[in-house]
Amino acid sequence: MVTATPDQLPLVREHERVDFVGSLTAGQLQPYWERARAIYYPTGLEAFGYPLAEARVSGRWIVARNTEQNREIAGPALAPYSVGDVESLRQAVRSVSAADPMPDPAPNDPDSYFEWLVGVR
């Protein structure tokens, strides 16, 4: 499942294993989160890390690049891989076959976040 349209991802638009669902509200996305074992997030740029944070809050594994930002946002739910290293990607995917991580909403609590960010509650 991809929350994009075929026009947004022309390289995979014809692939039989890609299901384009387009933009969804949080409520519409919830049934997909419940069925997912993990999310795969290959991008090298994510300004705020929302998909990673949502997966962590939902108790889902996150297969994503092994970067400082991804480690911070995804925390213990991260199954990291190194770009260009097929074996590290293979190991990351295999690692998600273990028990699911516990849902971890605490790092994304708005009060805690803004207290950390600007020192106010």
PDB file of N, CA and C in Angstrom:
ATOM      1  N   MET A   1       0.830  -1.161   0.000  1.00  0.00           N
ATOM      2  CA  MET A   1       0.000   0.000   0.000  1.00  0.00           C
ATOM      3  C   MET A   1       0.881   1.233   0.000  1.00  0.00           C
ATOM      4  N   VAL A   2       0.541   2.181  -0.835  1.00  0.00           N
ATOM      5  CA  VAL A   2       1.284   3.424  -0.948  1.00  0.00           C
ATOM      6  C   VAL A   2       0.285   4.571  -0.855  1.00  0.00           C
ATOM      7  N   THR A   3       0.555   5.512   0.041  1.00  0.00           N
ATOM      8  CA  THR A   3      -0.331   6.666   0.161  1.00  0.00           C
ATOM      9  C   THR A   3       0.088   7.727  -0.850  1.00  0.00           C
ATOM     10  N   ALA A   4      -0.004   7.359  -2.100  1.00  0.00           N
ATOM     11  CA  ALA A   4       0.312   8.239  -3.229  1.00  0.00           C
ATOM     12  C   ALA A   4      -0.595   7.818  -4.374  1.00  0.00           C
ATOM     13  N   THR A   5      -0.474   8.522  -5.471  1.00  0.00           N
ATOM     14  CA  THR A   5      -1.220   8.161  -6.671  1.00  0.00           C
ATOM     15  C   THR A   5      -0.239   7.610  -7.700  1.00  0.00           C
ATOM     16  N   PRO A   6      -0.708   6.867  -8.674  1.00  0.00           N
ATOM     17  CA  PRO A   6       0.198   6.336  -9.709  1.00  0.00           C
ATOM     18  C   PRO A   6       0.996   7.426 -10.423  1.00  0.00           C
ATOM     19  N   ASP A   7       0.395   8.597 -10.600  1.00  0.00           N
ATOM     20  CA  ASP A   7       1.109   9.696 -11.248  1.00  0.00           C
ATOM     21  C   ASP A   7       2.294  10.187 -10.421  1.00  0.00           C
ATOM     22  N   GLN A   8       2.222  10.029  -9.117  1.00  0.00           N
ATOM     23  CA  GLN A   8       3.297  10.484  -8.242  1.00  0.00           C
ATOM     24  C   GLN A   8       4.480   9.517  -8.220  1.00  0.00           C
ATOM     25  N   LEU A   9       4.245   8.266  -8.585  1.00  0.00           N
ATOM     26  CA  LEU A   9       5.301   7.246  -8.571  1.00  0.00           C
ATOM     27  C   LEU A   9       5.294   6.478  -9.893  1.00  0.00           C
ATOM     28  N   PRO A  10       5.656   7.137 -10.983  1.00  0.00           N
ATOM     29  CA  PRO A  10       5.551   6.487 -12.293  1.00  0.00           C
ATOM     30  C   PRO A  10       6.434   5.248 -12.460  1.00  0.00           C
ATOM     31  N   LEU A  11       7.532   5.154 -11.721  1.00  0.00           N
ATOM     32  CA  LEU A  11       8.423   4.002 -11.874  1.00  0.00           C
ATOM     33  C   LEU A  11       7.802   2.700 -11.394  1.00  0.00           C
ATOM     34  N   VAL A  12       6.836   2.785 -10.492  1.00  0.00           N
ATOM     35  CA  VAL A  12       6.221   1.559  -9.963  1.00  0.00           C
ATOM     36  C   VAL A  12       4.714   1.500 -10.217  1.00  0.00           C
ATOM     37  N   ARG A  13       4.192   2.420 -10.990  1.00  0.00           N
ATOM     38  CA  ARG A  13       2.743   2.492 -11.168  1.00  0.00           C
ATOM     39  C   ARG A  13       2.138   1.223 -11.747  1.00  0.00           C
ATOM     40  N   GLU A  14       2.890   0.459 -12.505  1.00  0.00           N
ATOM     41  CA  GLU A  14       2.358  -0.758 -13.121  1.00  0.00           C
ATOM     42  C   GLU A  14       2.668  -2.024 -12.322  1.00  0.00           C
ATOM     43  N   HIS A  15       3.402  -1.884 -11.237  1.00  0.00           N
ATOM     44  CA  HIS A  15       3.807  -3.067 -10.479  1.00  0.00           C
ATOM     45  C   HIS A  15       2.599  -3.698  -9.795  1.00  0.00           C
ATOM     46  N   GLU A  16       2.467  -4.993  -9.934  1.00  0.00           N
ATOM     47  CA  GLU A  16       1.303  -5.716  -9.408  1.00  0.00           C
ATOM     48  C   GLU A  16       1.217  -5.733  -7.884  1.00  0.00           C
ATOM     49  N   ARG A  17       2.327  -5.501  -7.190  1.00  0.00           N
ATOM     50  CA  ARG A  17       2.312  -5.578  -5.730  1.00  0.00           C
ATOM     51  C   ARG A  17       2.166  -4.210  -5.062  1.00  0.00           C
ATOM     52  N   VAL A  18       1.985  -3.168  -5.872  1.00  0.00           N
ATOM     53  CA  VAL A  18       1.823  -1.827  -5.321  1.00  0.00           C
ATOM     54  C   VAL A  18       0.356  -1.433  -5.409  1.00  0.00           C
ATOM     55  N   ASP A  19      -0.209  -1.113  -4.266  1.00  0.00           N
ATOM     56  CA  ASP A  19      -1.605  -0.713  -4.175  1.00  0.00           C
ATOM     57  C   ASP A  19      -1.650   0.777  -3.834  1.00  0.00           C
ATOM     58  N   PHE A  20      -2.019   1.601  -4.793  1.00  0.00           N
ATOM     59  CA  PHE A  20      -2.090   3.043  -4.593  1.00  0.00           C
ATOM     60  C   PHE A  20      -3.432   3.397  -3.951  1.00  0.00           C
ATOM     61  N   VAL A  21      -3.389   4.038  -2.789  1.00  0.00           N
ATOM     62  CA  VAL A  21      -4.621   4.429  -2.111  1.00  0.00           C
ATOM     63  C   VAL A  21      -4.782   5.941  -2.044  1.00  0.00           C
ATOM     64  N   GLY A  22      -3.762   6.697  -2.432  1.00  0.00           N
ATOM     65  CA  GLY A  22      -3.842   8.156  -2.400  1.00  0.00           C
ATOM     66  C   GLY A  22      -3.757   8.702  -0.990  1.00  0.00           C
ATOM     67  N   SER A  23      -3.986   9.989  -0.852  1.00  0.00           N
ATOM     68  CA  SER A  23      -3.949  10.645   0.459  1.00  0.00           C
ATOM     69  C   SER A  23      -5.138  10.198   1.294  1.00  0.00           C
ATOM     70  N   LEU A  24      -4.880   9.903   2.555  1.00  0.00           N
ATOM     71  CA  LEU A  24      -5.928   9.428   3.457  1.00  0.00           C
ATOM     72  C   LEU A  24      -5.922  10.243   4.740  1.00  0.00           C
ATOM     73  N   THR A  25      -7.073  10.376   5.344  1.00  0.00           N
ATOM     74  CA  THR A  25      -7.146  10.991   6.664  1.00  0.00           C
ATOM     75  C   THR A  25      -6.627   9.978   7.691  1.00  0.00           C
ATOM     76  N   ALA A  26      -6.392  10.437   8.896  1.00  0.00           N
ATOM     77  CA  ALA A  26      -5.932   9.527   9.949  1.00  0.00           C
ATOM     78  C   ALA A  26      -6.931   8.401  10.171  1.00  0.00           C
ATOM     79  N   GLY A  27      -8.212   8.721  10.146  1.00  0.00           N
ATOM     80  CA  GLY A  27      -9.243   7.708  10.330  1.00  0.00           C
ATOM     81  C   GLY A  27      -9.272   6.685   9.210  1.00  0.00           C
ATOM     82  N   GLN A  28      -9.092   7.147   7.983  1.00  0.00           N
ATOM     83  CA  GLN A  28      -9.064   6.237   6.839  1.00  0.00           C
ATOM     84  C   GLN A  28      -7.814   5.367   6.843  1.00  0.00           C
ATOM     85  N   LEU A  29      -6.744   5.894   7.385  1.00  0.00           N
ATOM     86  CA  LEU A  29      -5.472   5.171   7.410  1.00  0.00           C
ATOM     87  C   LEU A  29      -5.421   4.110   8.507  1.00  0.00           C
ATOM     88  N   GLN A  30      -6.201   4.278   9.561  1.00  0.00           N
ATOM     89  CA  GLN A  30      -6.146   3.384  10.719  1.00  0.00           C
ATOM     90  C   GLN A  30      -6.285   1.897  10.367  1.00  0.00           C
ATOM     91  N   PRO A  31      -7.233   1.486   9.523  1.00  0.00           N
ATOM     92  CA  PRO A  31      -7.325   0.053   9.197  1.00  0.00           C
ATOM     93  C   PRO A  31      -6.058  -0.487   8.526  1.00  0.00           C
ATOM     94  N   TYR A  32      -5.378   0.345   7.771  1.00  0.00           N
ATOM     95  CA  TYR A  32      -4.122  -0.083   7.138  1.00  0.00           C
ATOM     96  C   TYR A  32      -3.031  -0.267   8.189  1.00  0.00           C
ATOM     97  N   TRP A  33      -2.969   0.663   9.164  1.00  0.00           N
ATOM     98  CA  TRP A  33      -1.985   0.530  10.241  1.00  0.00           C
ATOM     99  C   TRP A  33      -2.216  -0.779  11.001  1.00  0.00           C
ATOM    100  N   GLU A  34      -3.467  -1.102  11.239  1.00  0.00           N
ATOM    101  CA  GLU A  34      -3.789  -2.300  12.010  1.00  0.00           C
ATOM    102  C   GLU A  34      -3.371  -3.579  11.294  1.00  0.00           C
ATOM    103  N   ARG A  35      -3.369  -3.572   9.982  1.00  0.00           N
ATOM    104  CA  ARG A  35      -2.983  -4.753   9.204  1.00  0.00           C
ATOM    105  C   ARG A  35      -1.486  -4.823   8.931  1.00  0.00           C
ATOM    106  N   ALA A  36      -0.792  -3.704   9.064  1.00  0.00           N
ATOM    107  CA  ALA A  36       0.621  -3.641   8.680  1.00  0.00           C
ATOM    108  C   ALA A  36       1.531  -4.298   9.714  1.00  0.00           C
ATOM    109  N   ARG A  37       2.515  -5.006   9.242  1.00  0.00           N
ATOM    110  CA  ARG A  37       3.565  -5.573  10.100  1.00  0.00           C
ATOM    111  C   ARG A  37       4.673  -4.547  10.274  1.00  0.00           C
ATOM    112  N   ALA A  38       4.909  -3.782   9.202  1.00  0.00           N
ATOM    113  CA  ALA A  38       5.977  -2.782   9.198  1.00  0.00           C
ATOM    114  C   ALA A  38       5.677  -1.756   8.122  1.00  0.00           C
ATOM    115  N   ILE A  39       6.373  -0.634   8.207  1.00  0.00           N
ATOM    116  CA  ILE A  39       6.354   0.309   7.103  1.00  0.00           C
ATOM    117  C   ILE A  39       7.763   0.363   6.525  1.00  0.00           C
ATOM    118  N   TYR A  40       7.831   0.597   5.248  1.00  0.00           N
ATOM    119  CA  TYR A  40       9.118   0.764   4.568  1.00  0.00           C
ATOM    120  C   TYR A  40       9.188   2.210   4.161  1.00  0.00           C
ATOM    121  N   TYR A  41      10.187   2.898   4.642  1.00  0.00           N
ATOM    122  CA  TYR A  41      10.300   4.322   4.392  1.00  0.00           C
ATOM    123  C   TYR A  41      11.681   4.608   3.813  1.00  0.00           C
ATOM    124  N   PRO A  42      11.805   4.547   2.483  1.00  0.00           N
ATOM    125  CA  PRO A  42      13.114   4.638   1.848  1.00  0.00           C
ATOM    126  C   PRO A  42      13.645   6.046   1.625  1.00  0.00           C
ATOM    127  N   THR A  43      12.836   7.061   1.866  1.00  0.00           N
ATOM    128  CA  THR A  43      13.257   8.407   1.518  1.00  0.00           C
ATOM    129  C   THR A  43      14.478   8.868   2.302  1.00  0.00           C
ATOM    130  N   GLY A  44      15.229   9.750   1.682  1.00  0.00           N
ATOM    131  CA  GLY A  44      16.390  10.330   2.347  1.00  0.00           C
ATOM    132  C   GLY A  44      16.079  11.674   2.957  1.00  0.00           C
ATOM    133  N   LEU A  45      14.878  12.191   2.722  1.00  0.00           N
ATOM    134  CA  LEU A  45      14.509  13.497   3.242  1.00  0.00           C
ATOM    135  C   LEU A  45      13.115  13.439   3.832  1.00  0.00           C
ATOM    136  N   GLU A  46      13.014  13.732   5.090  1.00  0.00           N
ATOM    137  CA  GLU A  46      11.718  13.819   5.763  1.00  0.00           C
ATOM    138  C   GLU A  46      11.855  14.937   6.777  1.00  0.00           C
ATOM    139  N   ALA A  47      11.202  16.043   6.502  1.00  0.00           N
ATOM    140  CA  ALA A  47      11.375  17.225   7.326  1.00  0.00           C
ATOM    141  C   ALA A  47      10.965  17.011   8.783  1.00  0.00           C
ATOM    142  N   PHE A  48       9.843  16.349   9.011  1.00  0.00           N
ATOM    143  CA  PHE A  48       9.359  16.196  10.379  1.00  0.00           C
ATOM    144  C   PHE A  48       9.269  14.750  10.848  1.00  0.00           C
ATOM    145  N   GLY A  49       9.384  13.795   9.968  1.00  0.00           N
ATOM    146  CA  GLY A  49       9.365  12.396  10.367  1.00  0.00           C
ATOM    147  C   GLY A  49       8.008  11.862  10.746  1.00  0.00           C
ATOM    148  N   TYR A  50       6.930  12.457  10.252  1.00  0.00           N
ATOM    149  CA  TYR A  50       5.589  12.013  10.634  1.00  0.00           C
ATOM    150  C   TYR A  50       5.328  10.530  10.378  1.00  0.00           C
ATOM    151  N   PRO A  51       5.671   9.986   9.210  1.00  0.00           N
ATOM    152  CA  PRO A  51       5.405   8.552   9.009  1.00  0.00           C
ATOM    153  C   PRO A  51       6.149   7.678  10.012  1.00  0.00           C
ATOM    154  N   LEU A  52       7.363   8.070  10.350  1.00  0.00           N
ATOM    155  CA  LEU A  52       8.132   7.302  11.329  1.00  0.00           C
ATOM    156  C   LEU A  52       7.510   7.418  12.717  1.00  0.00           C
ATOM    157  N   ALA A  53       7.111   8.612  13.083  1.00  0.00           N
ATOM    158  CA  ALA A  53       6.480   8.817  14.392  1.00  0.00           C
ATOM    159  C   ALA A  53       5.154   8.064  14.476  1.00  0.00           C
ATOM    160  N   GLU A  54       4.356   8.108  13.402  1.00  0.00           N
ATOM    161  CA  GLU A  54       3.076   7.403  13.403  1.00  0.00           C
ATOM    162  C   GLU A  54       3.277   5.905  13.566  1.00  0.00           C
ATOM    163  N   ALA A  55       4.273   5.359  12.903  1.00  0.00           N
ATOM    164  CA  ALA A  55       4.542   3.925  13.022  1.00  0.00           C
ATOM    165  C   ALA A  55       4.990   3.582  14.438  1.00  0.00           C
ATOM    166  N   ARG A  56       5.838   4.401  15.021  1.00  0.00           N
ATOM    167  CA  ARG A  56       6.304   4.152  16.390  1.00  0.00           C
ATOM    168  C   ARG A  56       5.138   4.199  17.377  1.00  0.00           C
ATOM    169  N   VAL A  57       4.287   5.204  17.238  1.00  0.00           N
ATOM    170  CA  VAL A  57       3.114   5.331  18.108  1.00  0.00           C
ATOM    171  C   VAL A  57       2.200   4.124  17.957  1.00  0.00           C
ATOM    172  N   SER A  58       2.083   3.609  16.728  1.00  0.00           N
ATOM    173  CA  SER A  58       1.194   2.486  16.440  1.00  0.00           C
ATOM    174  C   SER A  58       1.785   1.129  16.784  1.00  0.00           C
ATOM    175  N   GLY A  59       3.050   1.090  17.179  1.00  0.00           N
ATOM    176  CA  GLY A  59       3.681  -0.189  17.493  1.00  0.00           C
ATOM    177  C   GLY A  59       3.995  -1.001  16.253  1.00  0.00           C
ATOM    178  N   ARG A  60       4.479  -0.348  15.212  1.00  0.00           N
ATOM    179  CA  ARG A  60       4.855  -1.016  13.967  1.00  0.00           C
ATOM    180  C   ARG A  60       6.335  -0.833  13.720  1.00  0.00           C
ATOM    181  N   TRP A  61       6.935  -1.833  13.127  1.00  0.00           N
ATOM    182  CA  TRP A  61       8.341  -1.734  12.727  1.00  0.00           C
ATOM    183  C   TRP A  61       8.486  -0.711  11.606  1.00  0.00           C
ATOM    184  N   ILE A  62       9.647  -0.101  11.552  1.00  0.00           N
ATOM    185  CA  ILE A  62       9.947   0.897  10.535  1.00  0.00           C
ATOM    186  C   ILE A  62      11.250   0.500   9.861  1.00  0.00           C
ATOM    187  N   VAL A  63      11.162   0.066   8.621  1.00  0.00           N
ATOM    188  CA  VAL A  63      12.355  -0.245   7.831  1.00  0.00           C
ATOM    189  C   VAL A  63      12.727   1.052   7.129  1.00  0.00           C
ATOM    190  N   ALA A  64      13.819   1.649   7.569  1.00  0.00           N
ATOM    191  CA  ALA A  64      14.224   2.948   7.040  1.00  0.00           C
ATOM    192  C   ALA A  64      15.743   3.078   7.107  1.00  0.00           C
ATOM    193  N   ARG A  65      16.246   4.084   6.434  1.00  0.00           N
ATOM    194  CA  ARG A  65      17.685   4.330   6.407  1.00  0.00           C
ATOM    195  C   ARG A  65      18.243   4.493   7.821  1.00  0.00           C
ATOM    196  N   ASN A  66      19.449   4.047   7.984  1.00  0.00           N
ATOM    197  CA  ASN A  66      20.131   4.146   9.269  1.00  0.00           C
ATOM    198  C   ASN A  66      20.760   5.535   9.381  1.00  0.00           C
ATOM    199  N   THR A  67      19.915   6.498   9.797  1.00  0.00           N
ATOM    200  CA  THR A  67      20.396   7.868   9.965  1.00  0.00           C
ATOM    201  C   THR A  67      20.111   8.327  11.383  1.00  0.00           C
ATOM    202  N   GLU A  68      20.806   9.353  11.802  1.00  0.00           N
ATOM    203  CA  GLU A  68      20.599   9.875  13.152  1.00  0.00           C
ATOM    204  C   GLU A  68      19.159  10.329  13.353  1.00  0.00           C
ATOM    205  N   GLN A  69      18.595  11.018  12.363  1.00  0.00           N
ATOM    206  CA  GLN A  69      17.212  11.487  12.473  1.00  0.00           C
ATOM    207  C   GLN A  69      16.239  10.321  12.580  1.00  0.00           C
ATOM    208  N   ASN A  70      16.411   9.308  11.745  1.00  0.00           N
ATOM    209  CA  ASN A  70      15.514   8.160  11.795  1.00  0.00           C
ATOM    210  C   ASN A  70      15.640   7.412  13.111  1.00  0.00           C
ATOM    211  N   ARG A  71      16.860   7.290  13.633  1.00  0.00           N
ATOM    212  CA  ARG A  71      17.045   6.621  14.932  1.00  0.00           C
ATOM    213  C   ARG A  71      16.340   7.397  16.040  1.00  0.00           C
ATOM    214  N   GLU A  72      16.426   8.721  15.978  1.00  0.00           N
ATOM    215  CA  GLU A  72      15.796   9.545  17.007  1.00  0.00           C
ATOM    216  C   GLU A  72      14.273   9.450  16.933  1.00  0.00           C
ATOM    217  N   ILE A  73      13.716   9.542  15.741  1.00  0.00           N
ATOM    218  CA  ILE A  73      12.256   9.558  15.592  1.00  0.00           C
ATOM    219  C   ILE A  73      11.658   8.165  15.778  1.00  0.00           C
ATOM    220  N   ALA A  74      12.252   7.169  15.153  1.00  0.00           N
ATOM    221  CA  ALA A  74      11.696   5.809  15.197  1.00  0.00           C
ATOM    222  C   ALA A  74      12.046   5.077  16.483  1.00  0.00           C
ATOM    223  N   GLY A  75      13.140   5.443  17.104  1.00  0.00           N
ATOM    224  CA  GLY A  75      13.543   4.807  18.357  1.00  0.00           C
ATOM    225  C   GLY A  75      13.695   3.307  18.210  1.00  0.00           C
ATOM    226  N   PRO A  76      13.218   2.544  19.187  1.00  0.00           N
ATOM    227  CA  PRO A  76      13.392   1.087  19.161  1.00  0.00           C
ATOM    228  C   PRO A  76      12.580   0.379  18.079  1.00  0.00           C
ATOM    229  N   ALA A  77      11.693   1.099  17.393  1.00  0.00           N
ATOM    230  CA  ALA A  77      10.901   0.486  16.312  1.00  0.00           C
ATOM    231  C   ALA A  77      11.659   0.468  14.986  1.00  0.00           C
ATOM    232  N   LEU A  78      12.822   1.097  14.948  1.00  0.00           N
ATOM    233  CA  LEU A  78      13.582   1.175  13.696  1.00  0.00           C
ATOM    234  C   LEU A  78      14.289  -0.136  13.382  1.00  0.00           C
ATOM    235  N   ALA A  79      14.087  -0.601  12.161  1.00  0.00           N
ATOM    236  CA  ALA A  79      14.853  -1.710  11.588  1.00  0.00           C
ATOM    237  C   ALA A  79      15.708  -1.054  10.507  1.00  0.00           C
ATOM    238  N   PRO A  80      16.915  -0.621  10.857  1.00  0.00           N
ATOM    239  CA  PRO A  80      17.700   0.220   9.953  1.00  0.00           C
ATOM    240  C   PRO A  80      18.434  -0.558   8.861  1.00  0.00           C
ATOM    241  N   TYR A  81      18.671   0.143   7.763  1.00  0.00           N
ATOM    242  CA  TYR A  81      19.499  -0.397   6.699  1.00  0.00           C
ATOM    243  C   TYR A  81      20.380   0.714   6.154  1.00  0.00           C
ATOM    244  N   SER A  82      21.447   0.322   5.493  1.00  0.00           N
ATOM    245  CA  SER A  82      22.372   1.273   4.878  1.00  0.00           C
ATOM    246  C   SER A  82      22.098   1.333   3.381  1.00  0.00           C
ATOM    247  N   VAL A  83      22.033   2.534   2.851  1.00  0.00           N
ATOM    248  CA  VAL A  83      21.765   2.738   1.427  1.00  0.00           C
ATOM    249  C   VAL A  83      22.843   2.050   0.596  1.00  0.00           C
ATOM    250  N   GLY A  84      22.403   1.311  -0.409  1.00  0.00           N
ATOM    251  CA  GLY A  84      23.326   0.628  -1.304  1.00  0.00           C
ATOM    252  C   GLY A  84      23.820  -0.713  -0.788  1.00  0.00           C
ATOM    253  N   ASP A  85      23.435  -1.087   0.416  1.00  0.00           N
ATOM    254  CA  ASP A  85      23.874  -2.345   1.017  1.00  0.00           C
ATOM    255  C   ASP A  85      22.680  -3.303   1.062  1.00  0.00           C
ATOM    256  N   VAL A  86      22.571  -4.140   0.055  1.00  0.00           N
ATOM    257  CA  VAL A  86      21.430  -5.049  -0.062  1.00  0.00           C
ATOM    258  C   VAL A  86      21.340  -5.980   1.137  1.00  0.00           C
ATOM    259  N   GLU A  87      22.457  -6.437   1.637  1.00  0.00           N
ATOM    260  CA  GLU A  87      22.433  -7.342   2.785  1.00  0.00           C
ATOM    261  C   GLU A  87      21.877  -6.656   4.029  1.00  0.00           C
ATOM    262  N   SER A  88      22.207  -5.384   4.235  1.00  0.00           N
ATOM    263  CA  SER A  88      21.668  -4.693   5.412  1.00  0.00           C
ATOM    264  C   SER A  88      20.149  -4.505   5.265  1.00  0.00           C
ATOM    265  N   LEU A  89      19.667  -4.276   4.054  1.00  0.00           N
ATOM    266  CA  LEU A  89      18.222  -4.179   3.828  1.00  0.00           C
ATOM    267  C   LEU A  89      17.566  -5.536   4.088  1.00  0.00           C
ATOM    268  N   ARG A  90      18.199  -6.593   3.616  1.00  0.00           N
ATOM    269  CA  ARG A  90      17.675  -7.941   3.849  1.00  0.00           C
ATOM    270  C   ARG A  90      17.578  -8.223   5.351  1.00  0.00           C
ATOM    271  N   GLN A  91      18.616  -7.868   6.095  1.00  0.00           N
ATOM    272  CA  GLN A  91      18.609  -8.098   7.543  1.00  0.00           C
ATOM    273  C   GLN A  91      17.539  -7.254   8.237  1.00  0.00           C
ATOM    274  N   ALA A  92      17.355  -6.021   7.781  1.00  0.00           N
ATOM    275  CA  ALA A  92      16.321  -5.163   8.378  1.00  0.00           C
ATOM    276  C   ALA A  92      14.942  -5.768   8.176  1.00  0.00           C
ATOM    277  N   VAL A  93      14.674  -6.259   6.968  1.00  0.00           N
ATOM    278  CA  VAL A  93      13.369  -6.864   6.685  1.00  0.00           C
ATOM    279  C   VAL A  93      13.191  -8.138   7.505  1.00  0.00           C
ATOM    280  N   ARG A  94      14.220  -8.936   7.616  1.00  0.00           N
ATOM    281  CA  ARG A  94      14.125 -10.159   8.436  1.00  0.00           C
ATOM    282  C   ARG A  94      13.873  -9.840   9.901  1.00  0.00           C
ATOM    283  N   SER A  95      14.443  -8.756  10.380  1.00  0.00           N
ATOM    284  CA  SER A  95      14.317  -8.428  11.801  1.00  0.00           C
ATOM    285  C   SER A  95      12.885  -8.084  12.191  1.00  0.00           C
ATOM    286  N   VAL A  96      12.054  -7.686  11.239  1.00  0.00           N
ATOM    287  CA  VAL A  96      10.680  -7.342  11.586  1.00  0.00           C
ATOM    288  C   VAL A  96       9.802  -8.569  11.759  1.00  0.00           C
ATOM    289  N   SER A  97      10.357  -9.753  11.541  1.00  0.00           N
ATOM    290  CA  SER A  97       9.573 -10.958  11.760  1.00  0.00           C
ATOM    291  C   SER A  97       9.505 -11.325  13.238  1.00  0.00           C
ATOM    292  N   ALA A  98      10.281 -10.630  14.057  1.00  0.00           N
ATOM    293  CA  ALA A  98      10.225 -10.845  15.503  1.00  0.00           C
ATOM    294  C   ALA A  98       8.950 -10.186  16.053  1.00  0.00           C
ATOM    295  N   ALA A  99       8.763 -10.259  17.338  1.00  0.00           N
ATOM    296  CA  ALA A  99       7.592  -9.641  17.960  1.00  0.00           C
ATOM    297  C   ALA A  99       7.524  -8.152  17.627  1.00  0.00           C
ATOM    298  N   ASP A 100       6.308  -7.654  17.507  1.00  0.00           N
ATOM    299  CA  ASP A 100       6.120  -6.237  17.210  1.00  0.00           C
ATOM    300  C   ASP A 100       6.667  -5.384  18.343  1.00  0.00           C
ATOM    301  N   PRO A 101       7.172  -4.186  18.020  1.00  0.00           N
ATOM    302  CA  PRO A 101       7.586  -3.280  19.094  1.00  0.00           C
ATOM    303  C   PRO A 101       6.352  -2.782  19.847  1.00  0.00           C
ATOM    304  N   MET A 102       6.548  -2.387  21.055  1.00  0.00           N
ATOM    305  CA  MET A 102       5.430  -1.849  21.842  1.00  0.00           C
ATOM    306  C   MET A 102       5.068  -0.467  21.296  1.00  0.00           C
ATOM    307  N   PRO A 103       3.769  -0.139  21.239  1.00  0.00           N
ATOM    308  CA  PRO A 103       3.398   1.230  20.872  1.00  0.00           C
ATOM    309  C   PRO A 103       4.085   2.201  21.832  1.00  0.00           C
ATOM    310  N   ASP A 104       4.631   3.269  21.286  1.00  0.00           N
ATOM    311  CA  ASP A 104       5.449   4.182  22.078  1.00  0.00           C
ATOM    312  C   ASP A 104       5.052   5.634  21.782  1.00  0.00           C
ATOM    313  N   PRO A 105       3.927   6.099  22.333  1.00  0.00           N
ATOM    314  CA  PRO A 105       3.481   7.461  22.039  1.00  0.00           C
ATOM    315  C   PRO A 105       4.199   8.550  22.843  1.00  0.00           C
ATOM    316  N   ALA A 106       4.889   8.193  23.918  1.00  0.00           N
ATOM    317  CA  ALA A 106       5.470   9.193  24.816  1.00  0.00           C
ATOM    318  C   ALA A 106       6.361  10.222  24.113  1.00  0.00           C
ATOM    319  N   PRO A 107       7.272   9.818  23.213  1.00  0.00           N
ATOM    320  CA  PRO A 107       8.129  10.826  22.593  1.00  0.00           C
ATOM    321  C   PRO A 107       7.369  11.826  21.726  1.00  0.00           C
ATOM    322  N   ASN A 108       6.144  11.498  21.351  1.00  0.00           N
ATOM    323  CA  ASN A 108       5.359  12.380  20.495  1.00  0.00           C
ATOM    324  C   ASN A 108       4.253  13.104  21.262  1.00  0.00           C
ATOM    325  N   ASP A 109       4.279  13.028  22.589  1.00  0.00           N
ATOM    326  CA  ASP A 109       3.320  13.747  23.402  1.00  0.00           C
ATOM    327  C   ASP A 109       3.534  15.251  23.198  1.00  0.00           C
ATOM    328  N   PRO A 110       2.490  15.986  22.803  1.00  0.00           N
ATOM    329  CA  PRO A 110       2.683  17.416  22.501  1.00  0.00           C
ATOM    330  C   PRO A 110       3.246  18.221  23.667  1.00  0.00           C
ATOM    331  N   ASP A 111       2.777  17.959  24.886  1.00  0.00           N
ATOM    332  CA  ASP A 111       3.289  18.723  26.026  1.00  0.00           C
ATOM    333  C   ASP A 111       4.783  18.484  26.216  1.00  0.00           C
ATOM    334  N   SER A 112       5.184  17.225  26.203  1.00  0.00           N
ATOM    335  CA  SER A 112       6.601  16.908  26.372  1.00  0.00           C
ATOM    336  C   SER A 112       7.434  17.476  25.237  1.00  0.00           C
ATOM    337  N   TYR A 113       6.919  17.354  24.024  1.00  0.00           N
ATOM    338  CA  TYR A 113       7.670  17.820  22.858  1.00  0.00           C
ATOM    339  C   TYR A 113       7.915  19.327  22.926  1.00  0.00           C
ATOM    340  N   PHE A 114       6.863  20.099  23.193  1.00  0.00           N
ATOM    341  CA  PHE A 114       7.037  21.548  23.200  1.00  0.00           C
ATOM    342  C   PHE A 114       7.817  22.016  24.422  1.00  0.00           C
ATOM    343  N   GLU A 115       7.709  21.284  25.520  1.00  0.00           N
ATOM    344  CA  GLU A 115       8.539  21.610  26.673  1.00  0.00           C
ATOM    345  C   GLU A 115      10.013  21.423  26.309  1.00  0.00           C
ATOM    346  N   TRP A 116      10.326  20.322  25.617  1.00  0.00           N
ATOM    347  CA  TRP A 116      11.705  20.070  25.180  1.00  0.00           C
ATOM    348  C   TRP A 116      12.137  21.104  24.152  1.00  0.00           C
ATOM    349  N   LEU A 117      11.251  21.426  23.194  1.00  0.00           N
ATOM    350  CA  LEU A 117      11.602  22.315  22.083  1.00  0.00           C
ATOM    351  C   LEU A 117      11.843  23.739  22.532  1.00  0.00           C
ATOM    352  N   VAL A 118      10.943  24.289  23.307  1.00  0.00           N
ATOM    353  CA  VAL A 118      11.061  25.702  23.656  1.00  0.00           C
ATOM    354  C   VAL A 118      11.118  25.968  25.159  1.00  0.00           C
ATOM    355  N   GLY A 119      11.124  24.917  25.941  1.00  0.00           N
ATOM    356  CA  GLY A 119      11.278  25.078  27.372  1.00  0.00           C
ATOM    357  C   GLY A 119      10.050  25.600  28.083  1.00  0.00           C
ATOM    358  N   VAL A 120       8.871  25.456  27.468  1.00  0.00           N
ATOM    359  CA  VAL A 120       7.632  25.879  28.129  1.00  0.00           C
ATOM    360  C   VAL A 120       6.605  24.782  28.074  1.00  0.00           C
ATOM    361  N   ARG A 121       5.676  24.855  28.947  1.00  0.00           N
ATOM    362  CA  ARG A 121       4.561  23.896  28.974  1.00  0.00           C
ATOM    363  C   ARG A 121       3.284  24.601  28.668  1.00  0.00           C
TER     364      ARG A 121
END
